[in-house]
Amino acid sequence: MATYRAYYGQDRDREYFERIFQSANINFIIGSGASLPAISVLGDIESELEALVRAGKDDEYFNKSESFLDNVWKANNVLLKRSRPAEVVLPALMDDVVSTQNNYSNFMRALEMLLTRRRTGLLPRRINLFTTNYDLFIEDAAVKNNNVILNDGFRQRADIYNRTVFDAKCFYQTIHATGNLYNYSVELPTVNLIKLHGSLSWHSFDKEIYYSIKDMKPVAFNTPKEKQDWVMSHQLVLPRKDKFRETLLDNVYYDLLRTYSNELDKEGSLLIVFGFSFADEHIETLTKKALRNATLKIVIFAYNEAAKELFLDKFRDYSNVDVVFTPGAPLDFKKMNEIITSFLGGMK
């Protein structure tokens, strides 16, 4: 059965994290809980949309989808430092975005520490960061960290129109630095950002996905068709009727799920889970199948007592799952960053 580990910051806690990180192929999966407080968790939005799809309530489906996406875009527009003329951005939202930015910046710094200070030279200096989030906070944090390369799956060379094209094969590339005076080659620390449910920065055109930040949402939609088109212009994995399905996005989704499965099947893999509830049935199923790999270790950070009990029950049949919890206090993003770098001296 899954094991519960209370974290108190003692030597044995630090030794535990040193042991699992130093000799593993490192993977993270983060969910909507990581983007708090900037983006509030809107309940089980996917189940709600799925119910509307099954009931054939198209108008209600697009109304709820538009409201959900509008909420996600509000924080991202602040992140992108853009607003409409005369639009007033609430100070509380700006403070929440800054707080979330700081959490992600520290997270990127933590990943850098894990890669640059690991003692083994036998494993790649690469971390796979899987996420179901659509937002751009990780990309923002990566831009501010000059010591880690973010590989978001877009080809390094743009096409003739200066558009960068998404290609999942890019996640299997490594980047080396070579000296011009001496014959040496050093693998650069790389974080593969694998956005399993798509991204606000994805745009489809001519059977390809390109990196593009779309214009701000219109102040108002003149017709229901305009609202529908705006919702459908997002390359995101959301429940949709067959007539609205995007074959290209479905193919990318399953390619990325295959990447997730393959990485967990590797010998000596480690998966760290934060802010993710395994509400996506595909991901939960693949994760449980991967746990048949006896060398796979999954460490789940539980935010509170209720989350701890949920995870212990969900993975009750698997002995290679540890659920970490901090008794008497919530285990938030800041605390998680502190814990995963504890054996390295902590965040500076």
Protein backbone atom coordinates (compact mmCIF):
# COMPACT_ATOMS: atom_id res chain seq x y z
CA MET A 1 0.00 0.00 0.00
CA ALA A 2 1.03 3.64 -0.42
CA THR A 3 3.22 4.99 2.38
CA TYR A 4 2.57 8.17 4.33
CA ARG A 5 5.67 10.24 5.14
CA ALA A 6 5.45 13.14 7.54
CA TYR A 7 8.02 15.83 6.78
CA TYR A 8 9.58 17.65 9.74
CA GLY A 9 12.80 18.92 8.15
CA GLN A 10 14.99 16.54 10.11
CA ASP A 11 18.16 14.82 8.89
CA ARG A 12 16.28 11.65 7.99
CA ASP A 13 13.89 13.71 5.82
CA ARG A 14 16.78 15.33 3.96
CA GLU A 15 18.50 11.97 3.52
CA TYR A 16 15.32 10.53 2.03
CA PHE A 17 15.08 13.22 -0.64
CA GLU A 18 18.79 13.07 -1.38
CA ARG A 19 18.52 9.33 -1.95
CA ILE A 20 15.57 9.51 -4.34
CA PHE A 21 16.84 12.49 -6.37
CA GLN A 22 20.52 11.68 -6.81
CA SER A 23 20.13 8.45 -8.76
CA ALA A 24 16.85 8.89 -10.63
CA ASN A 25 15.48 9.98 -13.97
CA ILE A 26 13.52 12.93 -12.60
CA ASN A 27 9.97 13.74 -13.65
CA PHE A 28 7.45 16.18 -12.20
CA ILE A 29 3.75 16.51 -12.85
CA ILE A 30 2.03 19.65 -11.61
CA GLY A 31 -1.59 20.68 -11.81
CA SER A 32 -3.83 23.64 -11.17
CA GLY A 33 -2.90 23.84 -7.50
CA ALA A 34 0.53 25.15 -8.52
CA SER A 35 -0.95 28.27 -10.16
CA LEU A 36 -2.76 29.45 -7.05
CA PRO A 37 -3.52 32.15 -6.06
CA ALA A 38 -3.36 33.77 -9.53
CA ILE A 39 -5.74 31.28 -11.13
CA SER A 40 -8.46 29.88 -8.91
CA VAL A 41 -9.41 26.23 -9.20
CA LEU A 42 -12.88 26.18 -10.76
CA GLY A 43 -14.01 22.87 -9.32
CA ASP A 44 -14.21 19.92 -11.68
CA ILE A 45 -14.62 22.00 -14.83
CA GLU A 46 -13.96 19.12 -17.20
CA SER A 47 -16.70 16.95 -15.69
CA GLU A 48 -19.12 19.87 -15.82
CA LEU A 49 -18.34 20.50 -19.48
CA GLU A 50 -18.56 16.78 -20.26
CA ALA A 51 -22.04 16.68 -18.73
CA LEU A 52 -23.16 19.58 -20.93
CA VAL A 53 -21.71 17.87 -24.01
CA ARG A 54 -23.58 14.66 -23.25
CA ALA A 55 -26.80 16.57 -22.62
CA GLY A 56 -26.48 18.39 -25.94
CA LYS A 57 -26.59 21.80 -24.26
CA ASP A 58 -24.32 23.61 -26.69
CA ASP A 59 -25.14 27.15 -25.56
CA GLU A 60 -24.49 26.34 -21.92
CA TYR A 61 -21.30 24.51 -22.88
CA PHE A 62 -19.84 27.52 -24.69
CA ASN A 63 -20.99 29.93 -21.97
CA LYS A 64 -19.22 27.91 -19.29
CA SER A 65 -16.14 27.38 -21.47
CA GLU A 66 -15.93 31.11 -22.22
CA SER A 67 -16.23 31.96 -18.53
CA PHE A 68 -13.55 29.41 -17.59
CA LEU A 69 -11.11 30.59 -20.27
CA ASP A 70 -11.76 34.23 -19.42
CA ASN A 71 -10.75 33.51 -15.82
CA VAL A 72 -7.51 31.85 -16.98
CA TRP A 73 -6.72 34.72 -19.35
CA LYS A 74 -7.20 37.43 -16.72
CA ALA A 75 -4.13 36.31 -14.79
CA ASN A 76 -2.15 35.64 -17.95
CA ASN A 77 -2.88 39.10 -19.34
CA VAL A 78 -1.43 40.56 -16.13
CA LEU A 79 1.55 38.24 -16.58
CA LEU A 80 1.94 39.50 -20.16
CA LYS A 81 1.61 43.10 -18.94
CA ARG A 82 -1.23 43.93 -21.26
CA SER A 83 -4.70 45.37 -20.77
CA ARG A 84 -7.36 47.20 -22.72
CA PRO A 85 -7.38 50.99 -22.77
CA ALA A 86 -8.88 52.41 -19.57
CA GLU A 87 -9.17 48.90 -18.09
CA VAL A 88 -8.52 48.78 -14.35
CA VAL A 89 -6.73 45.69 -13.09
CA LEU A 90 -7.60 44.90 -9.49
CA PRO A 91 -4.58 45.26 -7.14
CA ALA A 92 -5.49 41.94 -5.52
CA LEU A 93 -5.13 40.13 -8.86
CA MET A 94 -1.79 41.83 -9.53
CA ASP A 95 -0.55 40.74 -6.09
CA ASP A 96 -1.74 37.17 -6.72
CA VAL A 97 0.05 37.05 -10.08
CA VAL A 98 3.29 38.34 -8.53
CA SER A 99 3.02 35.75 -5.76
CA THR A 100 2.49 32.96 -8.29
CA GLN A 101 5.37 34.24 -10.43
CA ASN A 102 7.66 34.11 -7.42
CA ASN A 103 6.61 30.52 -6.67
CA TYR A 104 7.38 29.43 -10.23
CA SER A 105 10.67 31.34 -10.33
CA ASN A 106 11.76 29.57 -7.15
CA PHE A 107 10.58 26.29 -8.61
CA MET A 108 12.72 26.82 -11.71
CA ARG A 109 15.64 27.66 -9.44
CA ALA A 110 14.98 24.44 -7.50
CA LEU A 111 15.06 22.39 -10.72
CA GLU A 112 18.32 24.09 -11.66
CA MET A 113 19.82 23.11 -8.30
CA LEU A 114 18.70 19.50 -8.70
CA LEU A 115 20.34 19.27 -12.12
CA THR A 116 23.57 21.16 -11.54
CA ARG A 117 24.39 19.69 -8.15
CA ARG A 118 23.61 16.03 -8.74
CA ARG A 119 26.72 13.92 -8.36
CA THR A 120 26.16 11.29 -11.02
CA GLY A 121 27.36 11.81 -14.56
CA LEU A 122 25.61 8.70 -15.85
CA LEU A 123 22.14 10.23 -16.03
CA PRO A 124 21.05 13.04 -18.36
CA ARG A 125 20.95 16.55 -16.94
CA ARG A 126 17.31 16.74 -17.82
CA ILE A 127 14.03 16.96 -15.94
CA ASN A 128 10.69 16.22 -17.56
CA LEU A 129 8.06 18.65 -16.30
CA PHE A 130 4.58 17.43 -17.19
CA THR A 131 1.63 19.72 -16.54
CA THR A 132 -2.06 19.92 -17.33
CA ASN A 133 -2.02 23.71 -16.83
CA TYR A 134 -2.65 26.00 -19.77
CA ASP A 135 -1.07 29.11 -18.30
CA LEU A 136 2.30 30.70 -19.12
CA PHE A 137 3.85 30.95 -15.65
CA ILE A 138 6.47 28.27 -16.31
CA GLU A 139 7.57 29.95 -19.54
CA ASP A 140 7.80 33.25 -17.69
CA ALA A 141 9.96 31.70 -14.95
CA ALA A 142 12.25 30.04 -17.50
CA VAL A 143 12.92 33.34 -19.29
CA LYS A 144 14.20 34.76 -16.01
CA ASN A 145 16.56 31.83 -15.35
CA ASN A 146 19.64 31.90 -17.56
CA ASN A 147 21.08 28.67 -16.19
CA VAL A 148 18.42 26.26 -17.45
CA ILE A 149 17.22 25.66 -20.99
CA LEU A 150 13.46 25.25 -21.37
CA ASN A 151 12.49 22.83 -24.10
CA ASP A 152 8.79 23.39 -24.74
CA GLY A 153 8.55 21.07 -27.75
CA PHE A 154 8.86 23.78 -30.40
CA ARG A 155 11.62 23.43 -32.96
CA GLN A 156 14.58 25.69 -32.39
CA ARG A 157 14.58 26.71 -36.05
CA ALA A 158 11.53 28.65 -37.20
CA ASP A 159 9.95 28.16 -40.61
CA ILE A 160 10.30 30.61 -43.48
CA TYR A 161 7.56 32.78 -41.95
CA ASN A 162 9.44 32.88 -38.62
CA ARG A 163 6.90 30.60 -36.96
CA THR A 164 8.08 27.93 -34.54
CA VAL A 165 6.40 24.56 -35.03
CA PHE A 166 5.55 22.07 -32.28
CA ASP A 167 7.18 18.66 -32.64
CA ALA A 168 7.05 16.15 -29.78
CA LYS A 169 10.30 14.56 -31.00
CA CYS A 170 12.10 17.67 -29.69
CA PHE A 171 11.72 16.31 -26.16
CA TYR A 172 14.31 13.63 -26.93
CA GLN A 173 17.04 16.12 -27.83
CA THR A 174 19.94 17.14 -25.60
CA ILE A 175 21.97 20.33 -25.85
CA HIS A 176 25.72 20.51 -25.25
CA ALA A 177 28.16 23.39 -24.89
CA THR A 178 31.61 22.96 -26.39
CA GLY A 179 34.78 24.95 -25.83
CA ASN A 180 36.58 26.70 -28.67
CA LEU A 181 40.05 26.22 -27.16
CA TYR A 182 39.79 22.82 -25.52
CA ASN A 183 38.12 19.64 -26.64
CA TYR A 184 35.31 19.32 -24.12
CA SER A 185 31.54 18.99 -24.27
CA VAL A 186 29.15 19.68 -21.39
CA GLU A 187 25.47 18.80 -21.38
CA LEU A 188 23.44 21.84 -20.42
CA PRO A 189 20.71 21.54 -17.77
CA THR A 190 17.40 21.20 -19.58
CA VAL A 191 13.78 21.14 -18.48
CA ASN A 192 11.34 19.52 -20.90
CA LEU A 193 8.01 21.34 -20.53
CA ILE A 194 5.34 18.89 -21.64
CA LYS A 195 1.89 20.50 -21.53
CA LEU A 196 -0.40 17.50 -21.69
CA HIS A 197 -3.61 19.52 -22.09
CA GLY A 198 -2.31 22.15 -24.49
CA SER A 199 -1.43 25.76 -23.82
CA LEU A 200 -2.65 29.32 -24.23
CA SER A 201 0.39 29.81 -26.46
CA TRP A 202 -0.63 27.12 -28.96
CA HIS A 203 -2.18 28.06 -32.29
CA SER A 204 -3.16 25.63 -35.04
CA PHE A 205 -2.79 26.35 -38.72
CA ASP A 206 -2.49 24.10 -41.75
CA LYS A 207 -2.26 20.87 -39.70
CA GLU A 208 0.52 22.17 -37.47
CA ILE A 209 0.69 23.74 -34.01
CA TYR A 210 2.62 27.00 -33.75
CA TYR A 211 3.71 29.14 -30.83
CA SER A 212 1.56 32.26 -30.80
CA ILE A 213 0.01 34.51 -28.15
CA LYS A 214 -3.50 35.35 -29.28
CA ASP A 215 -5.03 38.82 -29.10
CA MET A 216 -7.08 39.76 -26.06
CA LYS A 217 -10.65 38.57 -25.92
CA PRO A 218 -13.19 41.03 -27.38
CA VAL A 219 -14.98 43.20 -24.84
CA ALA A 220 -18.21 41.60 -25.99
CA PHE A 221 -19.31 39.01 -28.53
CA ASN A 222 -21.85 40.21 -31.08
CA THR A 223 -23.23 36.74 -31.78
CA PRO A 224 -23.13 33.28 -30.17
CA LYS A 225 -21.07 32.17 -33.19
CA GLU A 226 -18.33 34.68 -32.30
CA LYS A 227 -18.18 33.29 -28.76
CA GLN A 228 -18.06 29.74 -30.11
CA ASP A 229 -15.24 30.61 -32.51
CA TRP A 230 -13.24 32.26 -29.73
CA VAL A 231 -13.57 29.19 -27.49
CA MET A 232 -12.71 26.83 -30.34
CA SER A 233 -9.64 28.87 -31.30
CA HIS A 234 -7.90 27.60 -28.13
CA GLN A 235 -5.76 24.50 -28.59
CA LEU A 236 -6.70 22.96 -25.26
CA VAL A 237 -7.90 19.52 -24.26
CA LEU A 238 -11.48 20.12 -23.13
CA PRO A 239 -14.54 17.88 -23.53
CA ARG A 240 -16.07 18.54 -26.94
CA LYS A 241 -18.70 17.11 -29.23
CA ASP A 242 -17.39 15.00 -32.10
CA LYS A 243 -18.31 17.71 -34.61
CA PHE A 244 -16.10 20.17 -32.71
CA ARG A 245 -13.17 17.82 -32.12
CA GLU A 246 -9.72 18.81 -33.32
CA THR A 247 -7.98 15.76 -34.79
CA LEU A 248 -4.59 17.45 -34.70
CA LEU A 249 -4.89 18.25 -30.99
CA ASP A 250 -6.09 14.72 -30.22
CA ASN A 251 -3.03 13.30 -31.97
CA VAL A 252 -0.70 15.60 -30.05
CA TYR A 253 -2.45 14.73 -26.78
CA TYR A 254 -1.93 11.01 -27.26
CA ASP A 255 1.67 11.53 -28.39
CA LEU A 256 2.37 13.40 -25.16
CA LEU A 257 0.59 10.78 -23.06
CA ARG A 258 2.84 8.19 -24.73
CA THR A 259 5.86 10.28 -23.76
CA TYR A 260 4.58 10.38 -20.16
CA SER A 261 4.14 6.61 -20.13
CA ASN A 262 7.55 5.94 -21.70
CA GLU A 263 9.38 8.15 -19.20
CA LEU A 264 7.77 6.37 -16.24
CA ASP A 265 8.68 2.99 -17.72
CA LYS A 266 12.39 3.81 -17.66
CA GLU A 267 14.53 2.11 -15.05
CA GLY A 268 15.06 4.21 -11.95
CA SER A 269 12.41 6.83 -12.72
CA LEU A 270 11.07 9.26 -10.14
CA LEU A 271 7.77 11.13 -10.43
CA ILE A 272 7.10 14.07 -8.12
CA VAL A 273 3.45 15.15 -7.97
CA PHE A 274 2.28 18.58 -6.81
CA GLY A 275 -1.04 20.41 -7.17
CA PHE A 276 -2.41 17.54 -9.24
CA SER A 277 -5.39 15.39 -8.23
CA PHE A 278 -5.29 12.75 -11.02
CA ALA A 279 -8.76 13.82 -12.13
CA ASP A 280 -7.71 13.05 -15.72
CA GLU A 281 -8.61 9.38 -16.12
CA HIS A 282 -6.09 8.78 -18.90
CA ILE A 283 -3.22 10.08 -16.78
CA GLU A 284 -4.37 8.15 -13.70
CA THR A 285 -4.62 4.92 -15.69
CA LEU A 286 -1.20 5.35 -17.28
CA THR A 287 0.34 6.20 -13.90
CA LYS A 288 -1.07 3.08 -12.25
CA LYS A 289 0.08 0.92 -15.15
CA ALA A 290 3.57 2.42 -14.87
CA LEU A 291 3.69 1.47 -11.18
CA ARG A 292 4.21 -2.11 -12.31
CA ASN A 293 7.76 -0.90 -12.97
CA ALA A 294 9.33 -1.90 -9.66
CA THR A 295 12.09 0.72 -10.05
CA LEU A 296 9.60 3.60 -10.39
CA LYS A 297 9.11 5.81 -7.35
CA ILE A 298 6.20 8.24 -7.07
CA VAL A 299 6.25 10.93 -4.39
CA ILE A 300 3.02 12.90 -3.99
CA PHE A 301 2.95 16.15 -2.05
CA ALA A 302 -0.41 16.43 -0.28
CA TYR A 303 -1.59 19.97 0.47
CA ASN A 304 -3.61 19.05 3.55
CA GLU A 305 -5.03 16.18 5.57
CA ALA A 306 -7.95 15.63 3.17
CA ALA A 307 -5.62 15.43 0.16
CA LYS A 308 -3.36 13.02 2.03
CA GLU A 309 -6.24 10.64 2.71
CA LEU A 310 -7.44 10.92 -0.90
CA PHE A 311 -4.05 9.92 -2.30
CA LEU A 312 -3.49 7.14 0.21
CA ASP A 313 -6.82 5.65 -0.84
CA LYS A 314 -6.30 6.18 -4.58
CA PHE A 315 -2.92 4.41 -4.51
CA ARG A 316 -3.64 1.97 -1.70
CA ASP A 317 -2.59 -1.01 -3.85
CA TYR A 318 0.89 0.31 -4.71
CA SER A 319 3.90 0.04 -2.42
CA ASN A 320 6.16 2.30 -4.52
CA VAL A 321 4.08 5.44 -3.82
CA ASP A 322 4.92 7.82 -0.96
CA VAL A 323 2.54 10.58 0.15
CA VAL A 324 4.38 13.47 1.82
CA PHE A 325 2.53 15.73 4.23
CA THR A 326 3.56 18.44 6.70
CA PRO A 327 1.54 17.90 9.91
CA GLY A 328 -0.01 21.05 11.32
CA ALA A 329 0.57 23.20 8.23
CA PRO A 330 -0.43 23.18 4.54
CA LEU A 331 2.15 21.92 2.07
CA ASP A 332 2.02 24.74 -0.47
CA PHE A 333 4.24 25.54 -3.47
CA LYS A 334 6.74 27.47 -1.37
CA LYS A 335 7.08 24.56 1.06
CA MET A 336 7.46 22.06 -1.77
CA ASN A 337 10.34 24.09 -3.24
CA GLU A 338 11.97 24.12 0.19
CA ILE A 339 11.57 20.36 0.63
CA ILE A 340 12.98 19.24 -2.72
CA THR A 341 16.12 21.32 -2.19
CA SER A 342 16.51 20.57 1.53
CA PHE A 343 19.37 18.14 1.02
CA LEU A 344 21.18 20.76 -1.08
CA GLY A 345 21.04 23.39 1.63
CA GLY A 346 17.62 24.75 0.70
CA MET A 347 16.64 27.74 -1.40
CA LYS A 348 19.03 30.68 -1.15
